[in-house]
Amino acid sequence: DSLAGVFEDIRTVGEALGTTVEADRLVSSLERRARAAEARARPRKDGGRPSALALIWPDPPVVAGPATFIGDLLLRAGVDNVVPRSAGQWPRVSHETLVSWGPRVLVRPETIENGAAFKAAFAPGSRWHLVPAVRDGRVVVLPGAWLERPGPRLVDALEALVEKLRELGP
């Protein structure tokens, strides 16, 4: 459910394999990188945080709630997840709900399997353009292998997300 949980899993696997020292070394390195990425997350001038949505699948829309490892990633990257905790971890939601949430940034994975689905969903004139982040071209695309798997590559996703958010600006 969190990056810290992923780090604990790495330690558990390292212990089970008899590679505790290597696992601890890996986790220490990942923790350092994550802290550095969080430190680079740009706060807004007014002290607020941009609203964001992590879209896992476009049709029907499946999103990442705050109580997920992706939700934790958004928080660490300096954005507020628009999905309320009450919606659950991986809810399917309507487009009307997405529009009402009004995310300023949309984060999505890119894989061989989902490329065509996202291309069709975000085509000019689609209802996705009613969502502020899509309408304004504030869509951050990250490799699915980094974003969708609760493993060491989540730190790669965090670093890339922070940099892409910095490029987008406030």
N, C-alpha and C. Protein backbone atom coordinates (compact mmCIF):
# COMPACT_ATOMS: atom_id res chain seq x y z
N ASP A 1 0.80 -1.21 0.00
CA ASP A 1 0.00 0.00 0.00
C ASP A 1 0.84 1.27 0.00
N SER A 2 2.17 1.13 0.11
CA SER A 2 3.03 2.31 0.19
C SER A 2 4.45 1.96 -0.24
N LEU A 3 5.23 2.99 -0.48
CA LEU A 3 6.64 2.78 -0.81
C LEU A 3 7.36 2.14 0.38
N ALA A 4 7.02 2.57 1.59
CA ALA A 4 7.62 1.96 2.78
C ALA A 4 7.28 0.47 2.85
N GLY A 5 6.07 0.10 2.45
CA GLY A 5 5.68 -1.31 2.41
C GLY A 5 6.50 -2.09 1.40
N VAL A 6 6.80 -1.46 0.26
CA VAL A 6 7.64 -2.10 -0.76
C VAL A 6 9.04 -2.34 -0.19
N PHE A 7 9.56 -1.34 0.53
CA PHE A 7 10.90 -1.49 1.12
C PHE A 7 10.91 -2.64 2.14
N GLU A 8 9.84 -2.74 2.92
CA GLU A 8 9.75 -3.83 3.90
C GLU A 8 9.68 -5.18 3.19
N ASP A 9 8.96 -5.25 2.07
CA ASP A 9 8.88 -6.49 1.30
C ASP A 9 10.26 -6.89 0.76
N ILE A 10 11.03 -5.92 0.32
CA ILE A 10 12.38 -6.21 -0.18
C ILE A 10 13.22 -6.82 0.94
N ARG A 11 13.11 -6.24 2.12
CA ARG A 11 13.86 -6.79 3.27
C ARG A 11 13.39 -8.21 3.61
N THR A 12 12.09 -8.44 3.55
CA THR A 12 11.54 -9.77 3.85
C THR A 12 12.04 -10.80 2.85
N VAL A 13 12.04 -10.45 1.57
CA VAL A 13 12.54 -11.37 0.54
C VAL A 13 14.04 -11.60 0.74
N GLY A 14 14.78 -10.55 1.04
CA GLY A 14 16.22 -10.69 1.29
C GLY A 14 16.50 -11.62 2.45
N GLU A 15 15.71 -11.50 3.49
CA GLU A 15 15.88 -12.39 4.65
C GLU A 15 15.58 -13.84 4.27
N ALA A 16 14.50 -14.04 3.51
CA ALA A 16 14.12 -15.40 3.11
C ALA A 16 15.17 -16.04 2.21
N LEU A 17 15.86 -15.22 1.42
CA LEU A 17 16.87 -15.73 0.50
C LEU A 17 18.27 -15.78 1.12
N GLY A 18 18.38 -15.30 2.35
CA GLY A 18 19.69 -15.27 2.99
C GLY A 18 20.57 -14.16 2.45
N THR A 19 19.97 -13.11 1.92
CA THR A 19 20.72 -11.98 1.37
C THR A 19 20.32 -10.69 2.08
N THR A 20 20.27 -10.77 3.39
CA THR A 20 19.83 -9.63 4.20
C THR A 20 20.69 -8.40 3.98
N VAL A 21 22.00 -8.58 3.93
CA VAL A 21 22.91 -7.44 3.76
C VAL A 21 22.65 -6.75 2.42
N GLU A 22 22.50 -7.53 1.36
CA GLU A 22 22.25 -6.96 0.04
C GLU A 22 20.89 -6.25 0.00
N ALA A 23 19.88 -6.86 0.63
CA ALA A 23 18.55 -6.25 0.66
C ALA A 23 18.59 -4.93 1.42
N ASP A 24 19.28 -4.93 2.56
CA ASP A 24 19.39 -3.69 3.34
C ASP A 24 20.11 -2.61 2.55
N ARG A 25 21.14 -3.00 1.83
CA ARG A 25 21.90 -2.05 1.01
C ARG A 25 21.00 -1.46 -0.09
N LEU A 26 20.23 -2.34 -0.73
CA LEU A 26 19.32 -1.88 -1.78
C LEU A 26 18.28 -0.92 -1.21
N VAL A 27 17.67 -1.30 -0.09
CA VAL A 27 16.63 -0.45 0.51
C VAL A 27 17.22 0.89 0.93
N SER A 28 18.41 0.89 1.49
CA SER A 28 19.04 2.16 1.89
C SER A 28 19.24 3.06 0.68
N SER A 29 19.68 2.49 -0.42
CA SER A 29 19.88 3.26 -1.65
C SER A 29 18.54 3.81 -2.17
N LEU A 30 17.52 2.97 -2.16
CA LEU A 30 16.21 3.39 -2.64
C LEU A 30 15.62 4.48 -1.74
N GLU A 31 15.80 4.34 -0.44
CA GLU A 31 15.30 5.35 0.49
C GLU A 31 15.99 6.70 0.28
N ARG A 32 17.30 6.67 0.04
CA ARG A 32 18.04 7.91 -0.24
C ARG A 32 17.51 8.58 -1.50
N ARG A 33 17.32 7.79 -2.55
CA ARG A 33 16.82 8.34 -3.80
C ARG A 33 15.42 8.90 -3.63
N ALA A 34 14.57 8.20 -2.89
CA ALA A 34 13.20 8.67 -2.67
C ALA A 34 13.20 9.99 -1.89
N ARG A 35 14.00 10.08 -0.85
CA ARG A 35 14.09 11.33 -0.08
C ARG A 35 14.57 12.48 -0.96
N ALA A 36 15.56 12.21 -1.81
CA ALA A 36 16.09 13.25 -2.70
C ALA A 36 15.00 13.70 -3.69
N ALA A 37 14.23 12.76 -4.22
CA ALA A 37 13.15 13.11 -5.15
C ALA A 37 12.09 13.95 -4.43
N GLU A 38 11.72 13.54 -3.22
CA GLU A 38 10.73 14.30 -2.46
C GLU A 38 11.23 15.72 -2.19
N ALA A 39 12.51 15.87 -1.92
CA ALA A 39 13.08 17.19 -1.66
C ALA A 39 13.03 18.07 -2.91
N ARG A 40 13.06 17.45 -4.11
CA ARG A 40 13.01 18.20 -5.36
C ARG A 40 11.58 18.57 -5.77
N ALA A 41 10.59 17.94 -5.13
CA ALA A 41 9.19 18.23 -5.47
C ALA A 41 8.94 19.71 -5.24
N ARG A 42 8.45 20.37 -6.25
CA ARG A 42 8.29 21.83 -6.22
C ARG A 42 6.98 22.23 -5.55
N PRO A 43 7.07 22.94 -4.42
CA PRO A 43 5.83 23.45 -3.82
C PRO A 43 5.33 24.64 -4.63
N ARG A 44 4.02 24.83 -4.65
CA ARG A 44 3.45 25.99 -5.32
C ARG A 44 3.74 27.24 -4.52
N LYS A 45 3.73 28.37 -5.17
CA LYS A 45 4.01 29.63 -4.49
C LYS A 45 3.03 29.91 -3.36
N ASP A 46 1.77 29.46 -3.54
CA ASP A 46 0.77 29.70 -2.49
C ASP A 46 0.80 28.63 -1.40
N GLY A 47 1.77 27.70 -1.50
CA GLY A 47 1.89 26.65 -0.49
C GLY A 47 0.99 25.45 -0.74
N GLY A 48 0.09 25.56 -1.71
CA GLY A 48 -0.80 24.46 -2.02
C GLY A 48 -0.12 23.40 -2.87
N ARG A 49 -0.85 22.35 -3.14
CA ARG A 49 -0.34 21.26 -3.96
C ARG A 49 -1.30 21.05 -5.12
N PRO A 50 -0.77 20.84 -6.33
CA PRO A 50 -1.66 20.59 -7.46
C PRO A 50 -2.47 19.31 -7.24
N SER A 51 -3.68 19.30 -7.76
CA SER A 51 -4.50 18.10 -7.67
C SER A 51 -4.13 17.15 -8.81
N ALA A 52 -4.15 15.86 -8.52
CA ALA A 52 -3.73 14.87 -9.53
C ALA A 52 -4.60 13.63 -9.45
N LEU A 53 -4.56 12.90 -10.53
CA LEU A 53 -5.27 11.64 -10.66
C LEU A 53 -4.33 10.64 -11.33
N ALA A 54 -4.23 9.45 -10.78
CA ALA A 54 -3.49 8.38 -11.44
C ALA A 54 -4.52 7.47 -12.11
N LEU A 55 -4.51 7.48 -13.42
CA LEU A 55 -5.47 6.70 -14.22
C LEU A 55 -4.78 5.42 -14.67
N ILE A 56 -5.29 4.30 -14.20
CA ILE A 56 -4.68 3.01 -14.52
C ILE A 56 -5.22 2.45 -15.83
N TRP A 57 -6.49 2.66 -16.08
CA TRP A 57 -7.12 2.19 -17.32
C TRP A 57 -8.19 3.20 -17.72
N PRO A 58 -8.31 3.50 -19.02
CA PRO A 58 -9.22 4.58 -19.43
C PRO A 58 -10.69 4.22 -19.63
N ASP A 59 -11.01 2.96 -19.95
CA ASP A 59 -12.40 2.66 -20.30
C ASP A 59 -12.78 1.23 -19.91
N PRO A 60 -13.55 1.07 -18.82
CA PRO A 60 -14.03 2.13 -17.94
C PRO A 60 -12.88 2.66 -17.09
N PRO A 61 -12.97 3.92 -16.68
CA PRO A 61 -11.88 4.51 -15.91
C PRO A 61 -11.63 3.79 -14.59
N VAL A 62 -10.39 3.35 -14.40
CA VAL A 62 -9.94 2.75 -13.14
C VAL A 62 -8.81 3.64 -12.63
N VAL A 63 -8.94 4.08 -11.40
CA VAL A 63 -7.99 5.03 -10.83
C VAL A 63 -7.36 4.47 -9.55
N ALA A 64 -6.25 5.08 -9.14
CA ALA A 64 -5.57 4.67 -7.91
C ALA A 64 -6.00 5.58 -6.77
N GLY A 65 -6.55 4.97 -5.73
CA GLY A 65 -6.94 5.73 -4.54
C GLY A 65 -5.73 6.09 -3.69
N PRO A 66 -5.93 6.93 -2.69
CA PRO A 66 -4.82 7.37 -1.85
C PRO A 66 -4.19 6.25 -1.03
N ALA A 67 -4.93 5.20 -0.72
CA ALA A 67 -4.41 4.12 0.12
C ALA A 67 -3.78 3.01 -0.72
N THR A 68 -3.06 3.42 -1.77
CA THR A 68 -2.34 2.47 -2.63
C THR A 68 -0.90 2.92 -2.76
N PHE A 69 -0.05 2.04 -3.28
CA PHE A 69 1.35 2.43 -3.47
C PHE A 69 1.46 3.58 -4.48
N ILE A 70 0.55 3.65 -5.44
CA ILE A 70 0.56 4.76 -6.40
C ILE A 70 0.06 6.03 -5.72
N GLY A 71 -0.93 5.90 -4.86
CA GLY A 71 -1.39 7.05 -4.09
C GLY A 71 -0.27 7.63 -3.23
N ASP A 72 0.51 6.75 -2.61
CA ASP A 72 1.65 7.19 -1.82
C ASP A 72 2.68 7.90 -2.70
N LEU A 73 2.88 7.38 -3.89
CA LEU A 73 3.82 7.98 -4.84
C LEU A 73 3.39 9.41 -5.19
N LEU A 74 2.10 9.61 -5.46
CA LEU A 74 1.60 10.96 -5.77
C LEU A 74 1.87 11.91 -4.61
N LEU A 75 1.57 11.46 -3.42
CA LEU A 75 1.79 12.29 -2.23
C LEU A 75 3.25 12.69 -2.10
N ARG A 76 4.14 11.72 -2.27
CA ARG A 76 5.58 11.99 -2.16
C ARG A 76 6.07 12.92 -3.27
N ALA A 77 5.39 12.89 -4.42
CA ALA A 77 5.79 13.74 -5.55
C ALA A 77 5.25 15.17 -5.41
N GLY A 78 4.48 15.42 -4.36
CA GLY A 78 4.03 16.78 -4.10
C GLY A 78 2.70 17.16 -4.69
N VAL A 79 1.86 16.17 -5.00
CA VAL A 79 0.52 16.46 -5.51
C VAL A 79 -0.52 15.79 -4.62
N ASP A 80 -1.73 16.32 -4.66
CA ASP A 80 -2.84 15.75 -3.89
C ASP A 80 -3.70 14.88 -4.80
N ASN A 81 -3.91 13.66 -4.40
CA ASN A 81 -4.76 12.73 -5.12
C ASN A 81 -6.21 13.20 -4.98
N VAL A 82 -6.89 13.39 -6.10
CA VAL A 82 -8.28 13.84 -6.06
C VAL A 82 -9.24 12.73 -5.64
N VAL A 83 -8.79 11.49 -5.67
CA VAL A 83 -9.67 10.37 -5.31
C VAL A 83 -9.85 10.35 -3.80
N PRO A 84 -11.09 10.43 -3.33
CA PRO A 84 -11.30 10.38 -1.87
C PRO A 84 -11.04 8.96 -1.34
N ARG A 85 -10.57 8.89 -0.10
CA ARG A 85 -10.32 7.59 0.53
C ARG A 85 -11.56 6.70 0.49
N SER A 86 -12.72 7.33 0.62
CA SER A 86 -13.97 6.57 0.65
C SER A 86 -14.25 5.83 -0.65
N ALA A 87 -13.57 6.20 -1.74
CA ALA A 87 -13.77 5.54 -3.03
C ALA A 87 -13.10 4.17 -3.08
N GLY A 88 -12.17 3.91 -2.18
CA GLY A 88 -11.47 2.63 -2.15
C GLY A 88 -10.10 2.73 -2.81
N GLN A 89 -9.49 1.56 -2.97
CA GLN A 89 -8.12 1.54 -3.49
C GLN A 89 -8.05 1.68 -5.01
N TRP A 90 -8.82 0.93 -5.75
CA TRP A 90 -8.74 0.92 -7.21
C TRP A 90 -10.15 1.07 -7.80
N PRO A 91 -10.83 2.18 -7.55
CA PRO A 91 -12.22 2.29 -7.99
C PRO A 91 -12.37 2.51 -9.50
N ARG A 92 -13.49 2.02 -9.99
CA ARG A 92 -13.96 2.39 -11.33
C ARG A 92 -14.88 3.57 -11.12
N VAL A 93 -14.68 4.60 -11.92
CA VAL A 93 -15.47 5.81 -11.72
C VAL A 93 -16.03 6.30 -13.05
N SER A 94 -17.06 7.11 -12.97
CA SER A 94 -17.67 7.66 -14.18
C SER A 94 -16.89 8.89 -14.64
N HIS A 95 -17.08 9.24 -15.89
CA HIS A 95 -16.44 10.45 -16.41
C HIS A 95 -16.99 11.70 -15.71
N GLU A 96 -18.26 11.66 -15.35
CA GLU A 96 -18.84 12.79 -14.64
C GLU A 96 -18.12 13.01 -13.30
N THR A 97 -17.81 11.91 -12.63
CA THR A 97 -17.08 12.00 -11.36
C THR A 97 -15.68 12.56 -11.59
N LEU A 98 -15.01 12.09 -12.63
CA LEU A 98 -13.66 12.59 -12.93
C LEU A 98 -13.68 14.09 -13.22
N VAL A 99 -14.67 14.53 -13.97
CA VAL A 99 -14.78 15.96 -14.28
C VAL A 99 -15.04 16.74 -12.99
N SER A 100 -15.90 16.22 -12.13
CA SER A 100 -16.20 16.93 -10.88
C SER A 100 -14.99 17.00 -9.96
N TRP A 101 -14.14 15.99 -10.00
CA TRP A 101 -12.92 16.02 -9.18
C TRP A 101 -11.93 17.05 -9.73
N GLY A 102 -11.95 17.28 -11.03
CA GLY A 102 -11.15 18.34 -11.66
C GLY A 102 -9.64 18.26 -11.47
N PRO A 103 -9.01 17.12 -11.69
CA PRO A 103 -7.56 17.05 -11.49
C PRO A 103 -6.81 17.96 -12.45
N ARG A 104 -5.79 18.63 -11.94
CA ARG A 104 -4.94 19.50 -12.77
C ARG A 104 -3.85 18.72 -13.48
N VAL A 105 -3.54 17.52 -12.95
CA VAL A 105 -2.51 16.65 -13.56
C VAL A 105 -3.08 15.24 -13.61
N LEU A 106 -2.83 14.55 -14.70
CA LEU A 106 -3.22 13.15 -14.83
C LEU A 106 -1.94 12.35 -15.07
N VAL A 107 -1.75 11.31 -14.28
CA VAL A 107 -0.60 10.42 -14.41
C VAL A 107 -1.12 9.09 -14.91
N ARG A 108 -0.44 8.54 -15.93
CA ARG A 108 -0.88 7.25 -16.46
C ARG A 108 0.30 6.39 -16.86
N PRO A 109 0.10 5.07 -16.82
CA PRO A 109 1.16 4.16 -17.27
C PRO A 109 1.14 3.99 -18.78
N GLU A 110 2.29 3.66 -19.33
CA GLU A 110 2.41 3.34 -20.76
C GLU A 110 2.98 1.94 -20.87
N THR A 111 2.20 1.08 -21.53
CA THR A 111 2.65 -0.29 -21.79
C THR A 111 2.27 -0.66 -23.23
N ILE A 112 2.82 -1.73 -23.70
CA ILE A 112 2.43 -2.23 -25.03
C ILE A 112 0.94 -2.55 -25.03
N GLU A 113 0.46 -3.08 -23.90
CA GLU A 113 -0.93 -3.51 -23.82
C GLU A 113 -1.93 -2.36 -23.74
N ASN A 114 -1.54 -1.20 -23.19
CA ASN A 114 -2.54 -0.15 -22.99
C ASN A 114 -2.40 1.04 -23.94
N GLY A 115 -1.37 1.07 -24.74
CA GLY A 115 -1.12 2.22 -25.62
C GLY A 115 -2.30 2.56 -26.51
N ALA A 116 -2.88 1.58 -27.18
CA ALA A 116 -4.00 1.83 -28.09
C ALA A 116 -5.24 2.31 -27.33
N ALA A 117 -5.47 1.75 -26.15
CA ALA A 117 -6.65 2.14 -25.36
C ALA A 117 -6.55 3.60 -24.92
N PHE A 118 -5.36 4.02 -24.48
CA PHE A 118 -5.20 5.42 -24.08
C PHE A 118 -5.25 6.35 -25.29
N LYS A 119 -4.67 5.93 -26.39
CA LYS A 119 -4.70 6.77 -27.60
C LYS A 119 -6.14 7.02 -28.04
N ALA A 120 -6.95 5.96 -28.04
CA ALA A 120 -8.35 6.10 -28.43
C ALA A 120 -9.12 6.95 -27.41
N ALA A 121 -8.86 6.72 -26.15
CA ALA A 121 -9.58 7.45 -25.10
C ALA A 121 -9.30 8.95 -25.16
N PHE A 122 -8.05 9.32 -25.42
CA PHE A 122 -7.66 10.74 -25.38
C PHE A 122 -7.69 11.39 -26.76
N ALA A 123 -8.31 10.75 -27.74
CA ALA A 123 -8.40 11.31 -29.09
C ALA A 123 -9.13 12.66 -29.04
N PRO A 124 -8.80 13.56 -29.98
CA PRO A 124 -9.47 14.86 -30.02
C PRO A 124 -10.99 14.69 -30.03
N GLY A 125 -11.64 15.51 -29.22
CA GLY A 125 -13.10 15.47 -29.17
C GLY A 125 -13.68 14.45 -28.20
N SER A 126 -12.84 13.63 -27.58
CA SER A 126 -13.37 12.63 -26.65
C SER A 126 -13.82 13.28 -25.35
N ARG A 127 -14.63 12.58 -24.60
CA ARG A 127 -15.12 13.13 -23.33
C ARG A 127 -14.01 13.30 -22.30
N TRP A 128 -12.87 12.67 -22.54
CA TRP A 128 -11.73 12.87 -21.64
C TRP A 128 -11.27 14.32 -21.64
N HIS A 129 -11.54 15.05 -22.70
CA HIS A 129 -11.11 16.44 -22.78
C HIS A 129 -11.96 17.37 -21.90
N LEU A 130 -12.96 16.81 -21.23
CA LEU A 130 -13.70 17.56 -20.22
C LEU A 130 -12.95 17.56 -18.88
N VAL A 131 -11.98 16.64 -18.73
CA VAL A 131 -11.16 16.57 -17.52
C VAL A 131 -10.06 17.63 -17.65
N PRO A 132 -9.95 18.55 -16.70
CA PRO A 132 -9.00 19.66 -16.85
C PRO A 132 -7.58 19.24 -17.22
N ALA A 133 -7.05 18.20 -16.61
CA ALA A 133 -5.66 17.78 -16.90
C ALA A 133 -5.49 17.38 -18.36
N VAL A 134 -6.46 16.67 -18.91
CA VAL A 134 -6.36 16.23 -20.31
C VAL A 134 -6.58 17.43 -21.23
N ARG A 135 -7.60 18.22 -20.94
CA ARG A 135 -7.91 19.40 -21.75
C ARG A 135 -6.70 20.33 -21.84
N ASP A 136 -5.97 20.49 -20.72
CA ASP A 136 -4.85 21.42 -20.66
C ASP A 136 -3.50 20.78 -21.03
N GLY A 137 -3.52 19.52 -21.46
CA GLY A 137 -2.29 18.85 -21.87
C GLY A 137 -1.35 18.55 -20.71
N ARG A 138 -1.89 18.35 -19.53
CA ARG A 138 -1.07 18.09 -18.34
C ARG A 138 -1.16 16.60 -17.96
N VAL A 139 -0.79 15.76 -18.93
CA VAL A 139 -0.80 14.31 -18.76
C VAL A 139 0.65 13.84 -18.67
N VAL A 140 0.96 13.16 -17.58
CA VAL A 140 2.30 12.63 -17.36
C VAL A 140 2.25 11.13 -17.63
N VAL A 141 3.08 10.70 -18.56
CA VAL A 141 3.13 9.29 -18.95
C VAL A 141 4.41 8.68 -18.38
N LEU A 142 4.25 7.59 -17.63
CA LEU A 142 5.39 6.87 -17.05
C LEU A 142 5.35 5.43 -17.51
N PRO A 143 6.51 4.78 -17.63
CA PRO A 143 6.51 3.37 -18.00
C PRO A 143 5.68 2.54 -17.01
N GLY A 144 4.82 1.71 -17.55
CA GLY A 144 3.98 0.87 -16.70
C GLY A 144 4.80 -0.04 -15.80
N ALA A 145 5.95 -0.49 -16.27
CA ALA A 145 6.81 -1.36 -15.46
C ALA A 145 7.31 -0.63 -14.21
N TRP A 146 7.35 0.69 -14.25
CA TRP A 146 7.76 1.46 -13.08
C TRP A 146 6.56 1.77 -12.19
N LEU A 147 5.47 2.20 -12.80
CA LEU A 147 4.34 2.73 -12.06
C LEU A 147 3.40 1.66 -11.51
N GLU A 148 3.19 0.60 -12.24
CA GLU A 148 2.14 -0.35 -11.89
C GLU A 148 2.59 -1.53 -11.02
N ARG A 149 3.86 -1.61 -10.74
CA ARG A 149 4.36 -2.76 -9.97
C ARG A 149 4.96 -2.28 -8.65
N PRO A 150 4.49 -2.85 -7.54
CA PRO A 150 5.04 -2.43 -6.25
C PRO A 150 6.40 -3.06 -5.99
N GLY A 151 7.42 -2.49 -6.60
CA GLY A 151 8.78 -2.99 -6.46
C GLY A 151 9.78 -1.85 -6.50
N PRO A 152 11.07 -2.16 -6.60
CA PRO A 152 12.12 -1.14 -6.57
C PRO A 152 11.97 -0.06 -7.64
N ARG A 153 11.35 -0.38 -8.77
CA ARG A 153 11.22 0.61 -9.84
C ARG A 153 10.25 1.74 -9.51
N LEU A 154 9.50 1.58 -8.41
CA LEU A 154 8.65 2.69 -7.99
C LEU A 154 9.46 3.94 -7.71
N VAL A 155 10.70 3.75 -7.25
CA VAL A 155 11.56 4.91 -7.01
C VAL A 155 11.92 5.57 -8.34
N ASP A 156 12.12 4.78 -9.39
CA ASP A 156 12.33 5.35 -10.73
C ASP A 156 11.11 6.18 -11.13
N ALA A 157 9.91 5.63 -10.85
CA ALA A 157 8.67 6.34 -11.18
C ALA A 157 8.57 7.65 -10.39
N LEU A 158 8.93 7.61 -9.11
CA LEU A 158 8.89 8.81 -8.29
C LEU A 158 9.83 9.88 -8.82
N GLU A 159 11.05 9.49 -9.12
CA GLU A 159 12.03 10.45 -9.66
C GLU A 159 11.54 11.06 -10.97
N ALA A 160 11.04 10.23 -11.87
CA ALA A 160 10.56 10.72 -13.16
C ALA A 160 9.33 11.61 -12.98
N LEU A 161 8.43 11.22 -12.09
CA LEU A 161 7.22 12.02 -11.86
C LEU A 161 7.58 13.40 -11.32
N VAL A 162 8.48 13.46 -10.35
CA VAL A 162 8.89 14.76 -9.80
C VAL A 162 9.48 15.64 -10.90
N GLU A 163 10.33 15.07 -11.75
CA GLU A 163 10.94 15.87 -12.82
C GLU A 163 9.91 16.35 -13.83
N LYS A 164 8.97 15.47 -14.19
CA LYS A 164 7.95 15.85 -15.17
C LYS A 164 7.01 16.91 -14.59
N LEU A 165 6.70 16.81 -13.30
CA LEU A 165 5.87 17.82 -12.66
C LEU A 165 6.59 19.17 -12.63
N ARG A 166 7.90 19.14 -12.41
CA ARG A 166 8.68 20.38 -12.43
C ARG A 166 8.63 21.02 -13.82
N GLU A 167 8.70 20.19 -14.86
CA GLU A 167 8.63 20.69 -16.23
C GLU A 167 7.26 21.31 -16.54
N LEU A 168 6.19 20.71 -15.98
CA LEU A 168 4.83 21.23 -16.22
C LEU A 168 4.63 22.58 -15.55
N GLY A 169 5.33 22.80 -14.45
CA GLY A 169 5.14 24.04 -13.71
C GLY A 169 3.89 24.00 -12.84
N PRO A 170 3.54 25.16 -12.27
CA PRO A 170 2.42 25.20 -11.31
C PRO A 170 1.08 24.86 -11.89
